[in-house]
Amino acid sequence: MPERSAGEVTQLLIELRNGNRTNEAKLMLLVYEELRRIARGYMHGERPDHTLQPTALVHEAYLRLVGQRTVEWRDRTHFFAVAAQLMRRILVDHARARQTAKREGAHHAIPLEEAFVFSEEQSGELVSLDEALSRLAQFDARQSRIVELTFFAGLSVEDTAEVLGIAPRTVRRDWHCAKAWLHGELAGPR
């Protein structure tokens, strides 16, 4: 996103936070492509007729985002970080709703990157990943947040460091630790 529009997004978010909802359509135009990029990342590798499409995910997330009354929007990076977290929740809720009695069935180890791809057949793995991220948050909330920001939101190390108020090298170190921890959780016996 060009620097000019990044500043414009921040300004519009501040106006939204202050109760001025007249520029919501302009905000949507400025953030839509980035939200689509995040949604495509979640939906990568899905079949074309999947019941939940990136556009639907973007629209659902955007409606929930601008409907937030309790969020104190700081800037565009904060907005996209919350958007990524919200998209994850939407997908997990969708996966849980689609799960059947197979919930107690056999689980198999999957690579971390594959766990982030959603499909009807993989809804159990998505729920398992969400549960693993929740356990990581109990163990190390910052590492869990770094996974959300870097992997789900696609934020750079520098943007993630800015959102969390930590050094980029801390983000890199925690990201590597979190990936190793999640790999062990997802590969381990149930």
C-alpha atoms as a PDB file:
ATOM      1  CA  MET A   1       0.000   0.000   0.000  1.00  0.00           C
ATOM      2  CA  PRO A   2       1.488   3.398  -0.954  1.00  0.00           C
ATOM      3  CA  GLU A   3       2.535   5.605   1.950  1.00  0.00           C
ATOM      4  CA  ARG A   4      -0.079   8.236   1.073  1.00  0.00           C
ATOM      5  CA  SER A   5      -2.983   5.793   1.268  1.00  0.00           C
ATOM      6  CA  ALA A   6      -1.501   4.155   4.389  1.00  0.00           C
ATOM      7  CA  GLY A   7      -1.721   7.522   6.121  1.00  0.00           C
ATOM      8  CA  GLU A   8      -5.204   8.019   4.720  1.00  0.00           C
ATOM      9  CA  VAL A   9      -6.308   4.651   6.123  1.00  0.00           C
ATOM     10  CA  THR A  10      -4.962   5.624   9.534  1.00  0.00           C
ATOM     11  CA  GLN A  11      -6.821   8.952   9.382  1.00  0.00           C
ATOM     12  CA  LEU A  12     -10.084   7.265   8.384  1.00  0.00           C
ATOM     13  CA  LEU A  13      -9.698   4.747  11.207  1.00  0.00           C
ATOM     14  CA  ILE A  14      -9.217   7.589  13.674  1.00  0.00           C
ATOM     15  CA  GLU A  15     -12.378   9.238  12.350  1.00  0.00           C
ATOM     16  CA  LEU A  16     -14.233   5.926  12.653  1.00  0.00           C
ATOM     17  CA  ARG A  17     -12.960   5.499  16.214  1.00  0.00           C
ATOM     18  CA  ASN A  18     -14.262   9.001  16.995  1.00  0.00           C
ATOM     19  CA  GLY A  19     -17.736   8.104  15.716  1.00  0.00           C
ATOM     20  CA  ASN A  20     -17.555   9.627  12.221  1.00  0.00           C
ATOM     21  CA  ARG A  21     -18.949   6.888   9.993  1.00  0.00           C
ATOM     22  CA  THR A  22     -19.370   9.016   6.835  1.00  0.00           C
ATOM     23  CA  ASN A  23     -16.190   7.699   5.178  1.00  0.00           C
ATOM     24  CA  GLU A  24     -16.734   3.962   5.683  1.00  0.00           C
ATOM     25  CA  ALA A  25     -17.106   3.400   1.924  1.00  0.00           C
ATOM     26  CA  LYS A  26     -13.833   5.220   1.256  1.00  0.00           C
ATOM     27  CA  LEU A  27     -12.125   3.113   3.925  1.00  0.00           C
ATOM     28  CA  MET A  28     -13.421  -0.064   2.291  1.00  0.00           C
ATOM     29  CA  LEU A  29     -11.967   0.994  -1.074  1.00  0.00           C
ATOM     30  CA  LEU A  30      -8.579   1.624   0.516  1.00  0.00           C
ATOM     31  CA  VAL A  31      -8.350  -1.633   2.506  1.00  0.00           C
ATOM     32  CA  TYR A  32     -10.231  -4.040   0.239  1.00  0.00           C
ATOM     33  CA  GLU A  33      -7.288  -5.367  -1.780  1.00  0.00           C
ATOM     34  CA  GLU A  34      -5.151  -5.957   1.319  1.00  0.00           C
ATOM     35  CA  LEU A  35      -8.053  -7.766   3.008  1.00  0.00           C
ATOM     36  CA  ARG A  36      -8.462  -9.892  -0.141  1.00  0.00           C
ATOM     37  CA  ARG A  37      -4.756 -10.741  -0.039  1.00  0.00           C
ATOM     38  CA  ILE A  38      -5.103 -11.910   3.565  1.00  0.00           C
ATOM     39  CA  ALA A  39      -8.244 -13.918   2.723  1.00  0.00           C
ATOM     40  CA  ARG A  40      -6.572 -15.503  -0.313  1.00  0.00           C
ATOM     41  CA  GLY A  41      -3.733 -16.556   1.974  1.00  0.00           C
ATOM     42  CA  TYR A  42      -6.200 -18.348   4.208  1.00  0.00           C
ATOM     43  CA  MET A  43      -8.071 -19.890   1.299  1.00  0.00           C
ATOM     44  CA  HIS A  44      -5.019 -20.808  -0.815  1.00  0.00           C
ATOM     45  CA  GLY A  45      -5.356 -24.149  -2.530  1.00  0.00           C
ATOM     46  CA  GLU A  46      -9.105 -24.477  -2.127  1.00  0.00           C
ATOM     47  CA  ARG A  47     -11.301 -25.817  -4.853  1.00  0.00           C
ATOM     48  CA  PRO A  48     -13.258 -23.182  -6.835  1.00  0.00           C
ATOM     49  CA  ASP A  49     -16.671 -24.324  -5.542  1.00  0.00           C
ATOM     50  CA  HIS A  50     -15.737 -24.147  -1.854  1.00  0.00           C
ATOM     51  CA  THR A  51     -18.653 -22.923   0.256  1.00  0.00           C
ATOM     52  CA  LEU A  52     -16.635 -20.087   1.800  1.00  0.00           C
ATOM     53  CA  GLN A  53     -14.948 -17.853  -0.792  1.00  0.00           C
ATOM     54  CA  PRO A  54     -12.302 -15.159  -0.125  1.00  0.00           C
ATOM     55  CA  THR A  55     -14.765 -12.415  -1.092  1.00  0.00           C
ATOM     56  CA  ALA A  56     -17.316 -13.672   1.424  1.00  0.00           C
ATOM     57  CA  LEU A  57     -14.605 -13.922   4.064  1.00  0.00           C
ATOM     58  CA  VAL A  58     -13.502 -10.329   3.350  1.00  0.00           C
ATOM     59  CA  HIS A  59     -17.049  -8.996   3.513  1.00  0.00           C
ATOM     60  CA  GLU A  60     -17.859 -10.848   6.720  1.00  0.00           C
ATOM     61  CA  ALA A  61     -14.641  -9.658   8.347  1.00  0.00           C
ATOM     62  CA  TYR A  62     -15.069  -6.067   7.153  1.00  0.00           C
ATOM     63  CA  LEU A  63     -18.630  -5.850   8.480  1.00  0.00           C
ATOM     64  CA  ARG A  64     -17.456  -7.105  11.850  1.00  0.00           C
ATOM     65  CA  LEU A  65     -14.430  -4.777  11.831  1.00  0.00           C
ATOM     66  CA  VAL A  66     -16.289  -1.547  11.157  1.00  0.00           C
ATOM     67  CA  GLY A  67     -19.021  -2.638  13.535  1.00  0.00           C
ATOM     68  CA  GLN A  68     -16.514  -2.768  16.394  1.00  0.00           C
ATOM     69  CA  ARG A  69     -17.393  -0.169  18.988  1.00  0.00           C
ATOM     70  CA  THR A  70     -14.794  -1.137  21.566  1.00  0.00           C
ATOM     71  CA  VAL A  71     -11.653  -1.203  19.409  1.00  0.00           C
ATOM     72  CA  GLU A  72      -9.389   1.833  19.657  1.00  0.00           C
ATOM     73  CA  TRP A  73      -7.961   1.824  16.121  1.00  0.00           C
ATOM     74  CA  ARG A  74      -4.364   3.069  16.234  1.00  0.00           C
ATOM     75  CA  ASP A  75      -3.360   2.763  12.585  1.00  0.00           C
ATOM     76  CA  ARG A  76      -3.653   0.628   9.457  1.00  0.00           C
ATOM     77  CA  THR A  77      -1.242  -2.016  10.803  1.00  0.00           C
ATOM     78  CA  HIS A  78      -3.444  -2.475  13.877  1.00  0.00           C
ATOM     79  CA  PHE A  79      -6.519  -2.692  11.620  1.00  0.00           C
ATOM     80  CA  PHE A  80      -5.009  -5.449   9.461  1.00  0.00           C
ATOM     81  CA  ALA A  81      -3.764  -7.328  12.520  1.00  0.00           C
ATOM     82  CA  VAL A  82      -7.288  -7.369  13.958  1.00  0.00           C
ATOM     83  CA  ALA A  83      -8.655  -8.286  10.502  1.00  0.00           C
ATOM     84  CA  ALA A  84      -6.397 -11.327  10.293  1.00  0.00           C
ATOM     85  CA  GLN A  85      -7.400 -12.462  13.758  1.00  0.00           C
ATOM     86  CA  LEU A  86     -11.059 -12.000  12.894  1.00  0.00           C
ATOM     87  CA  MET A  87     -10.722 -13.958   9.628  1.00  0.00           C
ATOM     88  CA  ARG A  88      -9.131 -16.794  11.559  1.00  0.00           C
ATOM     89  CA  ARG A  89     -12.077 -16.816  13.981  1.00  0.00           C
ATOM     90  CA  ILE A  90     -14.575 -16.810  11.107  1.00  0.00           C
ATOM     91  CA  LEU A  91     -12.839 -19.767   9.448  1.00  0.00           C
ATOM     92  CA  VAL A  92     -12.585 -21.704  12.696  1.00  0.00           C
ATOM     93  CA  ASP A  93     -16.263 -21.057  13.440  1.00  0.00           C
ATOM     94  CA  HIS A  94     -17.093 -22.234   9.916  1.00  0.00           C
ATOM     95  CA  ALA A  95     -14.954 -25.354  10.390  1.00  0.00           C
ATOM     96  CA  ARG A  96     -16.557 -26.167  13.721  1.00  0.00           C
ATOM     97  CA  ALA A  97     -20.005 -25.763  12.222  1.00  0.00           C
ATOM     98  CA  ARG A  98     -19.087 -28.140   9.371  1.00  0.00           C
ATOM     99  CA  GLN A  99     -17.505 -30.785  11.580  1.00  0.00           C
ATOM    100  CA  THR A 100     -19.346 -34.042  11.997  1.00  0.00           C
ATOM    101  CA  ALA A 101     -19.128 -36.989  14.326  1.00  0.00           C
ATOM    102  CA  LYS A 102     -15.659 -37.650  12.901  1.00  0.00           C
ATOM    103  CA  ARG A 103     -14.395 -35.264  15.581  1.00  0.00           C
ATOM    104  CA  GLU A 104     -13.246 -38.192  17.674  1.00  0.00           C
ATOM    105  CA  GLY A 105     -11.648 -39.922  14.673  1.00  0.00           C
ATOM    106  CA  ALA A 106      -7.969 -40.461  14.019  1.00  0.00           C
ATOM    107  CA  HIS A 107      -5.699 -37.455  13.668  1.00  0.00           C
ATOM    108  CA  HIS A 108      -2.567 -37.419  11.588  1.00  0.00           C
ATOM    109  CA  ALA A 109       0.453 -35.153  11.615  1.00  0.00           C
ATOM    110  CA  ILE A 110       0.435 -32.355   9.067  1.00  0.00           C
ATOM    111  CA  PRO A 111       3.006 -29.682   8.219  1.00  0.00           C
ATOM    112  CA  LEU A 112       2.311 -26.312   9.848  1.00  0.00           C
ATOM    113  CA  GLU A 113       1.869 -24.561   6.490  1.00  0.00           C
ATOM    114  CA  GLU A 114      -0.774 -27.087   5.424  1.00  0.00           C
ATOM    115  CA  ALA A 115      -2.668 -26.593   8.660  1.00  0.00           C
ATOM    116  CA  PHE A 116      -3.453 -23.039   7.613  1.00  0.00           C
ATOM    117  CA  VAL A 117      -5.200 -24.120   4.405  1.00  0.00           C
ATOM    118  CA  PHE A 118      -8.924 -24.547   4.961  1.00  0.00           C
ATOM    119  CA  SER A 119     -11.113 -27.102   3.268  1.00  0.00           C
ATOM    120  CA  GLU A 120     -14.222 -28.973   4.213  1.00  0.00           C
ATOM    121  CA  GLU A 121     -12.140 -32.146   4.539  1.00  0.00           C
ATOM    122  CA  GLN A 122      -9.563 -30.410   6.739  1.00  0.00           C
ATOM    123  CA  SER A 123     -11.956 -28.707   9.153  1.00  0.00           C
ATOM    124  CA  GLY A 124     -10.700 -30.983  11.960  1.00  0.00           C
ATOM    125  CA  GLU A 125      -7.122 -29.887  11.315  1.00  0.00           C
ATOM    126  CA  LEU A 126      -8.129 -26.223  11.342  1.00  0.00           C
ATOM    127  CA  VAL A 127      -9.872 -26.685  14.667  1.00  0.00           C
ATOM    128  CA  SER A 128      -6.784 -28.554  15.959  1.00  0.00           C
ATOM    129  CA  LEU A 129      -4.579 -25.680  14.833  1.00  0.00           C
ATOM    130  CA  ASP A 130      -6.853 -23.176  16.545  1.00  0.00           C
ATOM    131  CA  GLU A 131      -6.750 -25.220  19.735  1.00  0.00           C
ATOM    132  CA  ALA A 132      -2.942 -25.441  19.501  1.00  0.00           C
ATOM    133  CA  LEU A 133      -2.705 -21.662  19.051  1.00  0.00           C
ATOM    134  CA  SER A 134      -4.947 -21.214  22.076  1.00  0.00           C
ATOM    135  CA  ARG A 135      -2.662 -23.490  24.125  1.00  0.00           C
ATOM    136  CA  LEU A 136       0.361 -21.535  22.859  1.00  0.00           C
ATOM    137  CA  ALA A 137      -1.350 -18.314  23.961  1.00  0.00           C
ATOM    138  CA  GLN A 138      -1.676 -19.735  27.482  1.00  0.00           C
ATOM    139  CA  PHE A 139       1.993 -20.680  27.441  1.00  0.00           C
ATOM    140  CA  ASP A 140       3.301 -17.600  25.589  1.00  0.00           C
ATOM    141  CA  ALA A 141       0.714 -15.046  24.457  1.00  0.00           C
ATOM    142  CA  ARG A 142       3.263 -13.003  22.513  1.00  0.00           C
ATOM    143  CA  GLN A 143       4.357 -15.978  20.411  1.00  0.00           C
ATOM    144  CA  SER A 144       0.732 -16.801  19.626  1.00  0.00           C
ATOM    145  CA  ARG A 145       0.115 -13.201  18.583  1.00  0.00           C
ATOM    146  CA  ILE A 146       3.245 -13.256  16.393  1.00  0.00           C
ATOM    147  CA  VAL A 147       1.879 -16.326  14.551  1.00  0.00           C
ATOM    148  CA  GLU A 148      -1.390 -14.494  13.920  1.00  0.00           C
ATOM    149  CA  LEU A 149       0.305 -11.334  12.703  1.00  0.00           C
ATOM    150  CA  THR A 150       3.053 -12.810  10.554  1.00  0.00           C
ATOM    151  CA  PHE A 151       1.340 -15.873   9.136  1.00  0.00           C
ATOM    152  CA  PHE A 152      -2.343 -15.016   9.120  1.00  0.00           C
ATOM    153  CA  ALA A 153      -2.139 -11.262   8.510  1.00  0.00           C
ATOM    154  CA  GLY A 154       1.008 -11.470   6.417  1.00  0.00           C
ATOM    155  CA  LEU A 155       2.564  -8.559   8.288  1.00  0.00           C
ATOM    156  CA  SER A 156       6.278  -8.030   7.903  1.00  0.00           C
ATOM    157  CA  VAL A 157       8.602  -8.614  10.829  1.00  0.00           C
ATOM    158  CA  GLU A 158       8.907  -4.833  11.194  1.00  0.00           C
ATOM    159  CA  ASP A 159       5.122  -4.252  11.175  1.00  0.00           C
ATOM    160  CA  THR A 160       4.622  -7.078  13.658  1.00  0.00           C
ATOM    161  CA  ALA A 161       7.293  -5.555  15.907  1.00  0.00           C
ATOM    162  CA  GLU A 162       5.528  -2.185  15.665  1.00  0.00           C
ATOM    163  CA  VAL A 163       2.123  -3.633  16.587  1.00  0.00           C
ATOM    164  CA  LEU A 164       3.583  -5.480  19.585  1.00  0.00           C
ATOM    165  CA  GLY A 165       6.036  -2.769  20.632  1.00  0.00           C
ATOM    166  CA  ILE A 166       9.053  -5.089  20.523  1.00  0.00           C
ATOM    167  CA  ALA A 167      12.264  -5.331  18.511  1.00  0.00           C
ATOM    168  CA  PRO A 168      12.224  -7.067  15.090  1.00  0.00           C
ATOM    169  CA  ARG A 169      14.872  -9.558  16.262  1.00  0.00           C
ATOM    170  CA  THR A 170      12.524 -10.553  19.110  1.00  0.00           C
ATOM    171  CA  VAL A 171       9.783 -11.165  16.554  1.00  0.00           C
ATOM    172  CA  ARG A 172      12.107 -13.370  14.497  1.00  0.00           C
ATOM    173  CA  ARG A 173      13.238 -15.361  17.554  1.00  0.00           C
ATOM    174  CA  ASP A 174       9.698 -15.834  18.885  1.00  0.00           C
ATOM    175  CA  TRP A 175       8.402 -16.749  15.401  1.00  0.00           C
ATOM    176  CA  HIS A 176      10.947 -19.559  15.127  1.00  0.00           C
ATOM    177  CA  CYS A 177      10.130 -20.798  18.632  1.00  0.00           C
ATOM    178  CA  ALA A 178       6.380 -20.650  17.965  1.00  0.00           C
ATOM    179  CA  LYS A 179       6.703 -22.608  14.703  1.00  0.00           C
ATOM    180  CA  ALA A 180       8.712 -25.309  16.457  1.00  0.00           C
ATOM    181  CA  TRP A 181       6.234 -25.477  19.346  1.00  0.00           C
ATOM    182  CA  LEU A 182       3.218 -25.661  17.010  1.00  0.00           C
ATOM    183  CA  HIS A 183       4.884 -28.309  14.877  1.00  0.00           C
ATOM    184  CA  GLY A 184       5.347 -30.443  17.996  1.00  0.00           C
ATOM    185  CA  GLU A 185       1.747 -29.888  19.052  1.00  0.00           C
ATOM    186  CA  LEU A 186       0.311 -30.720  15.646  1.00  0.00           C
ATOM    187  CA  ALA A 187       2.557 -33.749  15.109  1.00  0.00           C
ATOM    188  CA  GLY A 188       2.232 -35.145  18.627  1.00  0.00           C
ATOM    189  CA  PRO A 189      -0.206 -37.809  19.804  1.00  0.00           C
ATOM    190  CA  ARG A 190      -3.686 -36.682  20.806  1.00  0.00           C
END
